[in-house]
Amino acid sequence: MASQRNLLGRWLFSTLVTGTMLGAGLMFLLDPMLGRGRRARLLEKGVKARHRTMSHAHKAVRHLRNRSKGMVARLRPAHIRKVVLRARTA
């Protein structure tokens, strides 16, 4: 019984803290004087983060593609590699 009351108290406290933080964040963003600039800055940061993430993802894909091509090339028999090298230098 006491543990249920303790859990309920913790839940109420965490709900109160979460609601307070959410309300403060909304007040910060919806402020009539400075809110527009804050929202614009937040949007810019989001766009920059998305571009950076996409850039890193493209680099990772390119790296994996190049590594897989190299591994496939190493699996070829040696005589085929020599023929390809001769053809490239000729």
Protein backbone atom coordinates (compact mmCIF):
# COMPACT_ATOMS: atom_id res chain seq x y z
CA MET A 1 0.00 0.00 0.00
CA ALA A 2 2.76 2.41 0.93
CA SER A 3 4.76 1.54 -2.19
CA GLN A 4 1.73 2.28 -4.41
CA ARG A 5 1.33 5.67 -2.72
CA ASN A 6 5.04 6.33 -3.25
CA LEU A 7 4.75 5.42 -6.97
CA LEU A 8 1.71 7.67 -7.35
CA GLY A 9 3.58 10.53 -5.69
CA ARG A 10 6.57 10.07 -7.99
CA TRP A 11 4.31 9.91 -11.02
CA LEU A 12 2.49 13.10 -10.01
CA PHE A 13 5.78 14.90 -9.35
CA SER A 14 7.30 13.84 -12.69
CA THR A 15 4.09 14.87 -14.49
CA LEU A 16 4.18 18.26 -12.78
CA VAL A 17 7.84 18.81 -13.69
CA THR A 18 7.26 17.71 -17.28
CA GLY A 19 4.26 20.01 -17.65
CA THR A 20 6.18 22.93 -16.16
CA MET A 21 9.10 22.40 -18.55
CA LEU A 22 6.79 22.07 -21.53
CA GLY A 23 4.93 25.25 -20.57
CA ALA A 24 8.17 27.18 -20.09
CA GLY A 25 9.43 26.00 -23.48
CA LEU A 26 6.23 27.06 -25.20
CA MET A 27 6.34 30.45 -23.50
CA PHE A 28 9.94 30.84 -24.65
CA LEU A 29 9.08 30.04 -28.28
CA LEU A 30 5.73 31.83 -28.45
CA ASP A 31 6.94 35.06 -26.82
CA PRO A 32 5.44 37.96 -28.84
CA MET A 33 8.64 40.03 -28.68
CA LEU A 34 11.49 37.61 -29.31
CA GLY A 35 9.73 34.35 -30.20
CA ARG A 36 9.92 34.83 -33.97
CA GLY A 37 13.71 35.07 -33.93
CA ARG A 38 14.00 32.10 -31.58
CA ARG A 39 11.77 29.98 -33.82
CA ALA A 40 13.77 31.02 -36.91
CA ARG A 41 17.05 30.16 -35.18
CA LEU A 42 15.64 26.81 -34.09
CA LEU A 43 14.51 26.09 -37.66
CA GLU A 44 17.94 26.99 -39.03
CA LYS A 45 19.62 24.67 -36.54
CA GLY A 46 17.27 21.87 -37.52
CA VAL A 47 17.97 22.35 -41.22
CA LYS A 48 21.73 22.44 -40.58
CA ALA A 49 21.54 19.26 -38.50
CA ARG A 50 19.58 17.52 -41.25
CA HIS A 51 22.12 18.55 -43.91
CA ARG A 52 25.02 17.45 -41.73
CA THR A 53 23.36 14.09 -41.04
CA MET A 54 22.66 13.51 -44.73
CA SER A 55 26.25 14.43 -45.62
CA HIS A 56 27.63 11.95 -43.10
CA ALA A 57 25.23 9.27 -44.35
CA HIS A 58 26.31 9.82 -47.97
CA LYS A 59 29.98 9.62 -46.95
CA ALA A 60 29.37 6.39 -45.04
CA VAL A 61 27.55 4.83 -48.01
CA ARG A 62 30.34 5.86 -50.38
CA HIS A 63 32.95 4.45 -48.00
CA LEU A 64 31.14 1.12 -47.69
CA ARG A 65 30.66 0.92 -51.46
CA ASN A 66 34.36 1.49 -52.07
CA ARG A 67 35.37 -1.04 -49.41
CA SER A 68 33.06 -3.68 -50.84
CA LYS A 69 34.45 -3.10 -54.34
CA GLY A 70 37.96 -3.54 -52.95
CA MET A 71 37.03 -6.75 -51.19
CA VAL A 72 35.45 -8.15 -54.36
CA ALA A 73 38.60 -7.23 -56.30
CA ARG A 74 40.74 -9.10 -53.78
CA LEU A 75 38.60 -12.20 -54.16
CA ARG A 76 39.34 -12.41 -57.89
CA PRO A 77 41.99 -14.91 -58.94
CA ALA A 78 45.51 -13.48 -59.30
CA HIS A 79 45.79 -14.15 -63.03
CA ILE A 80 42.68 -12.08 -63.75
CA ARG A 81 44.09 -9.18 -61.72
CA LYS A 82 47.31 -9.33 -63.72
CA VAL A 83 45.38 -9.25 -67.00
CA VAL A 84 43.39 -6.23 -65.83
CA LEU A 85 46.57 -4.42 -64.74
CA ARG A 86 48.27 -5.13 -68.07
CA ALA A 87 45.25 -3.80 -69.93
CA ARG A 88 45.24 -0.62 -67.84
CA THR A 89 48.95 0.10 -68.34
CA ALA A 90 48.87 -0.63 -72.06
